[in-house]
Amino acid sequence: MSPIARDLEPDRPPSGPCLHAIVYVSMSAHLLSMNELEHLRERAEARNAKEDVTGVLLYSGGSFMQYLEGPAPGLSRVYGFIKADRLHYGVVDLLREPIHEREFSGWSMALRDVGAFGQSSSSQSDPLLTGIPGTPFKSRSRARELLLNFWSRGRNSVATALRDFANERAGRVGSIPIDK
């Protein structure tokens, strides 16, 4: 079965008690081949399934953005493993929040290589991130907006996401925002 077909098979309930989500960005230790990305996805899929964690990993020319969701204990264990992995560095959390339902209930780990500069053409949209055409789609969450931005702009979106994160954090502590 192809990775895309496997991604589209639902295998998790859509919601559950005490769900949490994390979005982070990081840099790969080296540019990864498709074989290395597939191996990474397989390892993550097995680990996530054990912990009832679902999500998506986007890769763009040496930059990662990942969304993870699940029960807090399992999510914490998976994220601890991710942060310790030497395949990447510079892990920065962009979003951590409780959620009422899963965004990616059918994917223990979906993976997309969006290219170094993203998929800016609307014809290159992926149902994983945008929803299936012709079906109602719930309002976009902050996490989904971050992922869609990474999808359309690739690694260039990381700097924007980090700047926005810094400005949001500065606003909470009364600092001067970083220039755009």
N, C-alpha and C. Protein backbone atom coordinates (compact mmCIF):
# COMPACT_ATOMS: atom_id res chain seq x y z
N MET A 1 0.85 -1.18 0.00
CA MET A 1 0.00 0.00 0.00
C MET A 1 0.89 1.24 0.00
N SER A 2 0.53 2.22 -0.80
CA SER A 2 1.34 3.44 -0.88
C SER A 2 1.23 4.24 0.41
N PRO A 3 2.26 5.07 0.71
CA PRO A 3 2.20 5.90 1.92
C PRO A 3 0.97 6.81 1.94
N ILE A 4 0.58 7.34 0.78
CA ILE A 4 -0.58 8.24 0.75
C ILE A 4 -1.85 7.47 1.04
N ALA A 5 -2.02 6.29 0.43
CA ALA A 5 -3.22 5.49 0.70
C ALA A 5 -3.27 5.09 2.17
N ARG A 6 -2.11 4.72 2.72
CA ARG A 6 -2.06 4.35 4.13
C ARG A 6 -2.44 5.54 5.00
N ASP A 7 -2.02 6.75 4.60
CA ASP A 7 -2.35 7.96 5.35
C ASP A 7 -3.85 8.19 5.43
N LEU A 8 -4.59 7.80 4.39
CA LEU A 8 -6.01 8.14 4.32
C LEU A 8 -6.92 7.13 5.00
N GLU A 9 -6.36 6.08 5.57
CA GLU A 9 -7.19 5.09 6.25
C GLU A 9 -7.39 5.47 7.70
N PRO A 10 -8.62 5.79 8.11
CA PRO A 10 -8.86 6.16 9.51
C PRO A 10 -8.57 4.99 10.43
N ASP A 11 -7.86 5.26 11.53
CA ASP A 11 -7.57 4.21 12.49
C ASP A 11 -7.66 4.70 13.93
N ARG A 12 -8.19 5.90 14.15
CA ARG A 12 -8.30 6.46 15.50
C ARG A 12 -9.68 7.09 15.67
N PRO A 13 -10.19 7.07 16.89
CA PRO A 13 -11.45 7.78 17.14
C PRO A 13 -11.23 9.28 16.98
N PRO A 14 -12.26 10.04 16.57
CA PRO A 14 -12.08 11.46 16.31
C PRO A 14 -11.85 12.31 17.55
N SER A 15 -12.22 11.85 18.70
CA SER A 15 -12.03 12.69 19.87
C SER A 15 -11.83 11.81 21.10
N GLY A 16 -11.50 12.45 22.18
CA GLY A 16 -11.30 11.72 23.42
C GLY A 16 -11.09 12.68 24.56
N PRO A 17 -11.05 12.17 25.77
CA PRO A 17 -10.87 13.04 26.93
C PRO A 17 -9.44 13.54 27.03
N CYS A 18 -9.29 14.75 27.52
CA CYS A 18 -7.99 15.32 27.86
C CYS A 18 -6.99 15.27 26.71
N LEU A 19 -7.41 15.67 25.53
CA LEU A 19 -6.51 15.70 24.39
C LEU A 19 -5.71 17.00 24.39
N HIS A 20 -4.47 16.92 23.92
CA HIS A 20 -3.59 18.07 23.82
C HIS A 20 -2.92 18.05 22.45
N ALA A 21 -2.44 19.21 22.03
CA ALA A 21 -1.75 19.33 20.74
C ALA A 21 -0.48 20.13 20.89
N ILE A 22 0.49 19.80 20.04
CA ILE A 22 1.76 20.52 19.97
C ILE A 22 2.08 20.75 18.50
N VAL A 23 2.54 21.95 18.17
CA VAL A 23 3.13 22.23 16.87
C VAL A 23 4.54 22.74 17.15
N TYR A 24 5.51 22.16 16.47
CA TYR A 24 6.88 22.63 16.63
C TYR A 24 7.56 22.71 15.27
N VAL A 25 8.65 23.45 15.21
CA VAL A 25 9.53 23.49 14.05
C VAL A 25 10.92 23.10 14.50
N SER A 26 11.71 22.58 13.56
CA SER A 26 13.10 22.25 13.83
C SER A 26 13.85 22.16 12.50
N MET A 27 15.16 22.02 12.60
CA MET A 27 16.02 21.90 11.43
C MET A 27 16.62 20.50 11.41
N SER A 28 16.66 19.87 10.23
CA SER A 28 17.27 18.55 10.13
C SER A 28 18.79 18.68 10.21
N ALA A 29 19.42 17.65 10.75
CA ALA A 29 20.88 17.65 10.89
C ALA A 29 21.56 17.60 9.53
N HIS A 30 20.88 17.07 8.52
CA HIS A 30 21.35 17.06 7.14
C HIS A 30 20.12 16.95 6.23
N LEU A 31 20.28 17.24 4.95
CA LEU A 31 19.15 17.09 4.03
C LEU A 31 18.80 15.62 3.93
N LEU A 32 17.52 15.31 4.06
CA LEU A 32 17.07 13.92 4.10
C LEU A 32 16.59 13.45 2.73
N SER A 33 16.90 12.21 2.40
CA SER A 33 16.40 11.60 1.18
C SER A 33 14.99 11.08 1.43
N MET A 34 14.30 10.72 0.35
CA MET A 34 12.95 10.16 0.51
C MET A 34 13.00 8.86 1.31
N ASN A 35 14.04 8.05 1.13
CA ASN A 35 14.18 6.81 1.91
C ASN A 35 14.32 7.11 3.39
N GLU A 36 15.12 8.13 3.73
CA GLU A 36 15.29 8.50 5.13
C GLU A 36 13.99 9.04 5.72
N LEU A 37 13.26 9.83 4.93
CA LEU A 37 11.97 10.35 5.40
C LEU A 37 10.97 9.22 5.63
N GLU A 38 10.94 8.26 4.73
CA GLU A 38 10.02 7.12 4.89
C GLU A 38 10.39 6.30 6.12
N HIS A 39 11.68 6.09 6.36
CA HIS A 39 12.12 5.37 7.56
C HIS A 39 11.71 6.13 8.82
N LEU A 40 11.88 7.44 8.81
CA LEU A 40 11.46 8.28 9.93
C LEU A 40 9.96 8.14 10.17
N ARG A 41 9.16 8.18 9.09
CA ARG A 41 7.72 8.05 9.23
C ARG A 41 7.34 6.70 9.83
N GLU A 42 7.97 5.64 9.37
CA GLU A 42 7.66 4.30 9.89
C GLU A 42 7.95 4.19 11.38
N ARG A 43 9.09 4.72 11.81
CA ARG A 43 9.43 4.70 13.25
C ARG A 43 8.41 5.50 14.05
N ALA A 44 8.08 6.69 13.55
CA ALA A 44 7.13 7.56 14.26
C ALA A 44 5.75 6.92 14.31
N GLU A 45 5.33 6.31 13.22
CA GLU A 45 4.01 5.69 13.16
C GLU A 45 3.88 4.59 14.23
N ALA A 46 4.89 3.75 14.36
CA ALA A 46 4.85 2.68 15.36
C ALA A 46 4.82 3.24 16.77
N ARG A 47 5.66 4.22 17.05
CA ARG A 47 5.73 4.83 18.39
C ARG A 47 4.42 5.54 18.72
N ASN A 48 3.90 6.30 17.77
CA ASN A 48 2.67 7.05 18.00
C ASN A 48 1.48 6.13 18.23
N ALA A 49 1.40 5.05 17.48
CA ALA A 49 0.28 4.12 17.63
C ALA A 49 0.24 3.56 19.05
N LYS A 50 1.41 3.26 19.63
CA LYS A 50 1.47 2.74 21.00
C LYS A 50 0.96 3.75 22.01
N GLU A 51 1.14 5.03 21.73
CA GLU A 51 0.79 6.09 22.68
C GLU A 51 -0.53 6.79 22.34
N ASP A 52 -1.25 6.32 21.33
CA ASP A 52 -2.51 6.93 20.89
C ASP A 52 -2.32 8.38 20.45
N VAL A 53 -1.19 8.63 19.78
CA VAL A 53 -0.86 9.96 19.26
C VAL A 53 -1.06 9.95 17.75
N THR A 54 -1.65 11.01 17.24
CA THR A 54 -1.84 11.16 15.80
C THR A 54 -1.21 12.48 15.37
N GLY A 55 -1.03 12.65 14.06
CA GLY A 55 -0.47 13.91 13.60
C GLY A 55 0.08 13.86 12.20
N VAL A 56 0.81 14.91 11.86
CA VAL A 56 1.40 15.06 10.54
C VAL A 56 2.77 15.72 10.67
N LEU A 57 3.70 15.26 9.84
CA LEU A 57 5.05 15.83 9.78
C LEU A 57 5.26 16.38 8.38
N LEU A 58 5.60 17.65 8.29
CA LEU A 58 5.92 18.28 7.02
C LEU A 58 7.41 18.54 6.97
N TYR A 59 8.02 18.30 5.81
CA TYR A 59 9.45 18.49 5.63
C TYR A 59 9.67 19.38 4.42
N SER A 60 10.57 20.35 4.56
CA SER A 60 10.84 21.28 3.48
C SER A 60 12.32 21.66 3.46
N GLY A 61 13.08 20.98 2.60
CA GLY A 61 14.47 21.35 2.40
C GLY A 61 15.29 21.54 3.66
N GLY A 62 15.17 20.66 4.61
CA GLY A 62 15.94 20.75 5.85
C GLY A 62 15.18 21.30 7.04
N SER A 63 13.93 21.72 6.83
CA SER A 63 13.10 22.23 7.93
C SER A 63 11.93 21.28 8.17
N PHE A 64 11.60 21.10 9.43
CA PHE A 64 10.44 20.30 9.82
C PHE A 64 9.40 21.19 10.47
N MET A 65 8.13 20.85 10.25
CA MET A 65 7.04 21.35 11.09
C MET A 65 6.20 20.12 11.38
N GLN A 66 5.91 19.91 12.65
CA GLN A 66 5.12 18.75 13.03
C GLN A 66 3.99 19.16 13.95
N TYR A 67 2.84 18.52 13.71
CA TYR A 67 1.67 18.66 14.57
C TYR A 67 1.44 17.30 15.20
N LEU A 68 1.31 17.26 16.52
CA LEU A 68 1.03 16.04 17.27
C LEU A 68 -0.16 16.29 18.18
N GLU A 69 -0.99 15.26 18.35
CA GLU A 69 -2.16 15.37 19.22
C GLU A 69 -2.41 14.04 19.90
N GLY A 70 -2.94 14.12 21.11
CA GLY A 70 -3.26 12.90 21.83
C GLY A 70 -3.39 13.16 23.31
N PRO A 71 -3.59 12.08 24.09
CA PRO A 71 -3.66 12.22 25.55
C PRO A 71 -2.32 12.73 26.09
N ALA A 72 -2.38 13.58 27.09
CA ALA A 72 -1.18 14.24 27.61
C ALA A 72 -0.04 13.28 27.95
N PRO A 73 -0.27 12.18 28.66
CA PRO A 73 0.86 11.31 29.02
C PRO A 73 1.57 10.73 27.78
N GLY A 74 0.80 10.21 26.83
CA GLY A 74 1.40 9.64 25.62
C GLY A 74 2.07 10.69 24.78
N LEU A 75 1.44 11.85 24.65
CA LEU A 75 2.00 12.94 23.88
C LEU A 75 3.33 13.40 24.48
N SER A 76 3.39 13.46 25.79
CA SER A 76 4.61 13.86 26.48
C SER A 76 5.74 12.86 26.21
N ARG A 77 5.43 11.57 26.25
CA ARG A 77 6.47 10.56 26.00
C ARG A 77 6.97 10.64 24.56
N VAL A 78 6.05 10.76 23.61
CA VAL A 78 6.44 10.86 22.20
C VAL A 78 7.28 12.11 21.97
N TYR A 79 6.84 13.24 22.52
CA TYR A 79 7.55 14.49 22.29
C TYR A 79 8.93 14.48 22.94
N GLY A 80 9.05 13.83 24.08
CA GLY A 80 10.37 13.69 24.71
C GLY A 80 11.33 12.92 23.81
N PHE A 81 10.84 11.88 23.18
CA PHE A 81 11.67 11.10 22.27
C PHE A 81 12.07 11.96 21.06
N ILE A 82 11.11 12.71 20.52
CA ILE A 82 11.37 13.57 19.36
C ILE A 82 12.45 14.60 19.69
N LYS A 83 12.31 15.27 20.83
CA LYS A 83 13.28 16.32 21.19
C LYS A 83 14.69 15.77 21.38
N ALA A 84 14.82 14.51 21.77
CA ALA A 84 16.13 13.90 21.98
C ALA A 84 16.74 13.33 20.70
N ASP A 85 15.98 13.25 19.64
CA ASP A 85 16.45 12.65 18.38
C ASP A 85 17.53 13.52 17.75
N ARG A 86 18.66 12.92 17.39
CA ARG A 86 19.77 13.66 16.80
C ARG A 86 19.58 13.94 15.30
N LEU A 87 18.47 13.52 14.75
CA LEU A 87 18.19 13.77 13.34
C LEU A 87 17.85 15.24 13.09
N HIS A 88 17.54 15.96 14.17
CA HIS A 88 17.22 17.38 14.03
C HIS A 88 17.69 18.15 15.25
N TYR A 89 17.63 19.49 15.14
CA TYR A 89 18.06 20.36 16.23
C TYR A 89 17.22 21.64 16.19
N GLY A 90 17.36 22.45 17.21
CA GLY A 90 16.66 23.74 17.23
C GLY A 90 15.16 23.60 17.34
N VAL A 91 14.69 22.67 18.14
CA VAL A 91 13.25 22.46 18.30
C VAL A 91 12.63 23.65 19.01
N VAL A 92 11.62 24.26 18.38
CA VAL A 92 10.91 25.39 18.96
C VAL A 92 9.41 25.10 18.93
N ASP A 93 8.80 25.13 20.10
CA ASP A 93 7.34 24.94 20.19
C ASP A 93 6.65 26.20 19.71
N LEU A 94 5.73 26.06 18.77
CA LEU A 94 4.93 27.18 18.31
C LEU A 94 3.55 27.19 18.96
N LEU A 95 3.08 26.02 19.36
CA LEU A 95 1.74 25.91 19.90
C LEU A 95 1.66 24.70 20.81
N ARG A 96 1.09 24.91 21.98
CA ARG A 96 0.78 23.84 22.93
C ARG A 96 -0.56 24.20 23.52
N GLU A 97 -1.54 23.30 23.35
CA GLU A 97 -2.87 23.64 23.86
C GLU A 97 -3.73 22.40 24.03
N PRO A 98 -4.70 22.49 24.95
CA PRO A 98 -5.69 21.42 25.02
C PRO A 98 -6.62 21.54 23.81
N ILE A 99 -7.13 20.41 23.33
CA ILE A 99 -8.04 20.42 22.19
C ILE A 99 -9.27 19.58 22.52
N HIS A 100 -10.36 19.85 21.83
CA HIS A 100 -11.60 19.11 22.08
C HIS A 100 -11.71 17.89 21.18
N GLU A 101 -11.11 17.97 20.00
CA GLU A 101 -11.13 16.83 19.09
C GLU A 101 -9.88 16.83 18.24
N ARG A 102 -9.56 15.68 17.68
CA ARG A 102 -8.36 15.55 16.87
C ARG A 102 -8.54 16.22 15.51
N GLU A 103 -7.46 16.81 15.03
CA GLU A 103 -7.41 17.36 13.68
C GLU A 103 -7.10 16.26 12.67
N PHE A 104 -6.29 15.28 13.07
CA PHE A 104 -5.78 14.24 12.16
C PHE A 104 -6.05 12.86 12.75
N SER A 105 -7.29 12.57 13.04
CA SER A 105 -7.64 11.33 13.73
C SER A 105 -7.27 10.08 12.94
N GLY A 106 -7.17 10.16 11.65
CA GLY A 106 -6.91 8.98 10.84
C GLY A 106 -5.45 8.70 10.57
N TRP A 107 -4.54 9.47 11.13
CA TRP A 107 -3.13 9.32 10.78
C TRP A 107 -2.27 9.20 12.03
N SER A 108 -1.74 8.00 12.28
CA SER A 108 -0.82 7.89 13.41
C SER A 108 0.46 8.68 13.09
N MET A 109 0.77 8.83 11.80
CA MET A 109 1.80 9.78 11.37
C MET A 109 1.78 9.90 9.86
N ALA A 110 1.22 10.99 9.40
CA ALA A 110 1.28 11.31 7.98
C ALA A 110 2.55 12.11 7.73
N LEU A 111 3.10 11.98 6.54
CA LEU A 111 4.34 12.67 6.19
C LEU A 111 4.18 13.28 4.81
N ARG A 112 4.61 14.52 4.67
CA ARG A 112 4.61 15.18 3.37
C ARG A 112 5.93 15.92 3.20
N ASP A 113 6.56 15.74 2.04
CA ASP A 113 7.72 16.53 1.65
C ASP A 113 7.17 17.62 0.75
N VAL A 114 7.19 18.85 1.22
CA VAL A 114 6.54 19.95 0.48
C VAL A 114 7.51 20.68 -0.44
N GLY A 115 8.75 20.24 -0.52
CA GLY A 115 9.73 20.93 -1.34
C GLY A 115 10.29 22.12 -0.59
N ALA A 116 11.44 22.59 -1.02
CA ALA A 116 12.13 23.66 -0.30
C ALA A 116 11.33 24.94 -0.22
N PHE A 117 10.54 25.23 -1.25
CA PHE A 117 9.83 26.50 -1.27
C PHE A 117 8.32 26.33 -1.24
N GLY A 118 7.85 25.15 -0.85
CA GLY A 118 6.44 24.92 -0.66
C GLY A 118 5.69 24.58 -1.94
N GLN A 119 4.40 24.44 -1.79
CA GLN A 119 3.49 24.11 -2.88
C GLN A 119 2.55 25.28 -3.05
N SER A 120 3.00 26.33 -3.71
CA SER A 120 2.22 27.56 -3.75
C SER A 120 1.00 27.49 -4.66
N SER A 121 0.95 26.54 -5.56
CA SER A 121 -0.19 26.43 -6.48
C SER A 121 -1.37 25.78 -5.77
N SER A 122 -2.55 26.34 -5.96
CA SER A 122 -3.74 25.74 -5.32
C SER A 122 -4.00 24.35 -5.88
N SER A 123 -3.53 24.07 -7.09
CA SER A 123 -3.73 22.73 -7.65
C SER A 123 -2.87 21.70 -6.93
N GLN A 124 -1.94 22.16 -6.13
CA GLN A 124 -1.07 21.26 -5.38
C GLN A 124 -1.55 21.08 -3.94
N SER A 125 -2.81 21.46 -3.66
CA SER A 125 -3.35 21.30 -2.32
C SER A 125 -3.45 19.82 -1.98
N ASP A 126 -3.35 19.51 -0.73
CA ASP A 126 -3.41 18.14 -0.25
C ASP A 126 -4.63 18.00 0.65
N PRO A 127 -5.48 17.02 0.39
CA PRO A 127 -6.67 16.84 1.24
C PRO A 127 -6.34 16.64 2.71
N LEU A 128 -5.14 16.16 2.99
CA LEU A 128 -4.72 15.99 4.38
C LEU A 128 -4.81 17.30 5.14
N LEU A 129 -4.42 18.39 4.50
CA LEU A 129 -4.38 19.68 5.17
C LEU A 129 -5.60 20.55 4.90
N THR A 130 -6.20 20.40 3.73
CA THR A 130 -7.28 21.30 3.33
C THR A 130 -8.66 20.69 3.47
N GLY A 131 -8.76 19.40 3.66
CA GLY A 131 -10.05 18.73 3.68
C GLY A 131 -10.38 18.22 2.29
N ILE A 132 -11.26 17.30 2.21
CA ILE A 132 -11.64 16.72 0.93
C ILE A 132 -12.64 17.65 0.24
N PRO A 133 -12.36 18.03 -1.04
CA PRO A 133 -13.26 18.96 -1.73
C PRO A 133 -14.71 18.46 -1.71
N GLY A 134 -15.62 19.40 -1.49
CA GLY A 134 -17.05 19.06 -1.50
C GLY A 134 -17.59 18.59 -0.17
N THR A 135 -16.74 18.45 0.83
CA THR A 135 -17.22 18.04 2.14
C THR A 135 -17.05 19.20 3.11
N PRO A 136 -17.98 19.33 4.06
CA PRO A 136 -17.84 20.43 5.02
C PRO A 136 -16.56 20.26 5.83
N PHE A 137 -15.90 21.36 6.09
CA PHE A 137 -14.66 21.31 6.86
C PHE A 137 -14.80 22.26 8.03
N LYS A 138 -14.48 21.75 9.21
CA LYS A 138 -14.60 22.59 10.40
C LYS A 138 -13.70 23.82 10.28
N SER A 139 -13.98 24.80 11.06
CA SER A 139 -13.19 26.04 10.98
C SER A 139 -11.72 25.71 11.22
N ARG A 140 -10.88 26.47 10.60
CA ARG A 140 -9.45 26.23 10.70
C ARG A 140 -8.93 26.63 12.07
N SER A 141 -8.18 25.73 12.65
CA SER A 141 -7.54 26.00 13.93
C SER A 141 -6.24 26.75 13.70
N ARG A 142 -5.67 27.28 14.76
CA ARG A 142 -4.36 27.94 14.67
C ARG A 142 -3.31 26.94 14.18
N ALA A 143 -3.38 25.70 14.66
CA ALA A 143 -2.44 24.67 14.24
C ALA A 143 -2.55 24.41 12.73
N ARG A 144 -3.76 24.28 12.23
CA ARG A 144 -3.94 24.01 10.81
C ARG A 144 -3.45 25.19 9.97
N GLU A 145 -3.65 26.41 10.47
CA GLU A 145 -3.14 27.59 9.75
C GLU A 145 -1.61 27.57 9.66
N LEU A 146 -0.95 27.19 10.75
CA LEU A 146 0.51 27.07 10.73
C LEU A 146 0.95 26.03 9.70
N LEU A 147 0.28 24.89 9.68
CA LEU A 147 0.62 23.82 8.74
C LEU A 147 0.37 24.25 7.29
N LEU A 148 -0.76 24.91 7.05
CA LEU A 148 -1.05 25.37 5.69
C LEU A 148 -0.04 26.41 5.22
N ASN A 149 0.41 27.27 6.11
CA ASN A 149 1.43 28.25 5.77
C ASN A 149 2.73 27.54 5.40
N PHE A 150 3.12 26.54 6.17
CA PHE A 150 4.33 25.78 5.87
C PHE A 150 4.16 25.06 4.53
N TRP A 151 2.97 24.51 4.28
CA TRP A 151 2.69 23.81 3.03
C TRP A 151 2.87 24.75 1.83
N SER A 152 2.36 25.96 1.94
CA SER A 152 2.39 26.86 0.80
C SER A 152 3.72 27.60 0.64
N ARG A 153 4.45 27.80 1.73
CA ARG A 153 5.68 28.59 1.64
C ARG A 153 6.95 27.80 1.96
N GLY A 154 6.81 26.56 2.40
CA GLY A 154 7.97 25.74 2.69
C GLY A 154 8.79 26.30 3.83
N ARG A 155 10.07 26.06 3.75
CA ARG A 155 10.96 26.44 4.85
C ARG A 155 10.96 27.95 5.11
N ASN A 156 10.57 28.75 4.12
CA ASN A 156 10.50 30.20 4.32
C ASN A 156 9.48 30.57 5.39
N SER A 157 8.50 29.73 5.61
CA SER A 157 7.47 30.04 6.60
C SER A 157 7.98 29.89 8.03
N VAL A 158 9.07 29.17 8.22
CA VAL A 158 9.58 28.95 9.58
C VAL A 158 9.98 30.27 10.22
N ALA A 159 10.70 31.10 9.49
CA ALA A 159 11.12 32.40 10.04
C ALA A 159 9.91 33.24 10.42
N THR A 160 8.88 33.23 9.56
CA THR A 160 7.66 33.98 9.85
C THR A 160 6.97 33.44 11.10
N ALA A 161 6.87 32.11 11.20
CA ALA A 161 6.23 31.50 12.35
C ALA A 161 6.98 31.82 13.64
N LEU A 162 8.31 31.80 13.58
CA LEU A 162 9.10 32.12 14.76
C LEU A 162 8.96 33.58 15.15
N ARG A 163 8.92 34.47 14.17
CA ARG A 163 8.74 35.90 14.46
C ARG A 163 7.37 36.13 15.10
N ASP A 164 6.32 35.51 14.52
CA ASP A 164 4.98 35.66 15.09
C ASP A 164 4.92 35.12 16.51
N PHE A 165 5.58 33.98 16.73
CA PHE A 165 5.63 33.38 18.06
C PHE A 165 6.32 34.33 19.03
N ALA A 166 7.45 34.92 18.61
CA ALA A 166 8.19 35.85 19.48
C ALA A 166 7.34 37.08 19.78
N ASN A 167 6.64 37.60 18.79
CA ASN A 167 5.78 38.77 19.01
C ASN A 167 4.64 38.44 19.97
N GLU A 168 4.04 37.27 19.80
CA GLU A 168 2.95 36.87 20.70
C GLU A 168 3.46 36.74 22.13
N ARG A 169 4.61 36.12 22.27
CA ARG A 169 5.19 35.96 23.60
C ARG A 169 5.58 37.30 24.20
N ALA A 170 6.14 38.20 23.38
CA ALA A 170 6.51 39.53 23.84
C ALA A 170 5.29 40.29 24.31
N GLY A 171 4.17 40.13 23.62
CA GLY A 171 2.92 40.79 24.02
C GLY A 171 2.44 40.35 25.38
N ARG A 172 2.71 39.09 25.73
CA ARG A 172 2.29 38.59 27.03
C ARG A 172 3.14 39.14 28.16
N VAL A 173 4.39 39.50 27.86
CA VAL A 173 5.27 40.01 28.92
C VAL A 173 5.53 41.50 28.78
N GLY A 174 4.85 42.16 27.83
CA GLY A 174 4.94 43.61 27.72
C GLY A 174 6.18 44.12 27.02
N SER A 175 6.80 43.29 26.18
CA SER A 175 7.99 43.71 25.44
C SER A 175 7.62 44.37 24.13
N ILE A 176 8.59 44.94 23.48
CA ILE A 176 8.40 45.57 22.17
C ILE A 176 8.41 44.48 21.10
N PRO A 177 7.41 44.45 20.18
CA PRO A 177 7.36 43.43 19.13
C PRO A 177 8.56 43.50 18.20
N ILE A 178 8.92 42.35 17.65
CA ILE A 178 9.99 42.26 16.66
C ILE A 178 9.46 42.80 15.34
N ASP A 179 10.27 43.59 14.62
CA ASP A 179 9.86 44.18 13.33
C ASP A 179 9.55 43.09 12.33
N LYS A 180 8.59 43.40 11.44
CA LYS A 180 8.23 42.47 10.37
C LYS A 180 9.04 42.71 9.15
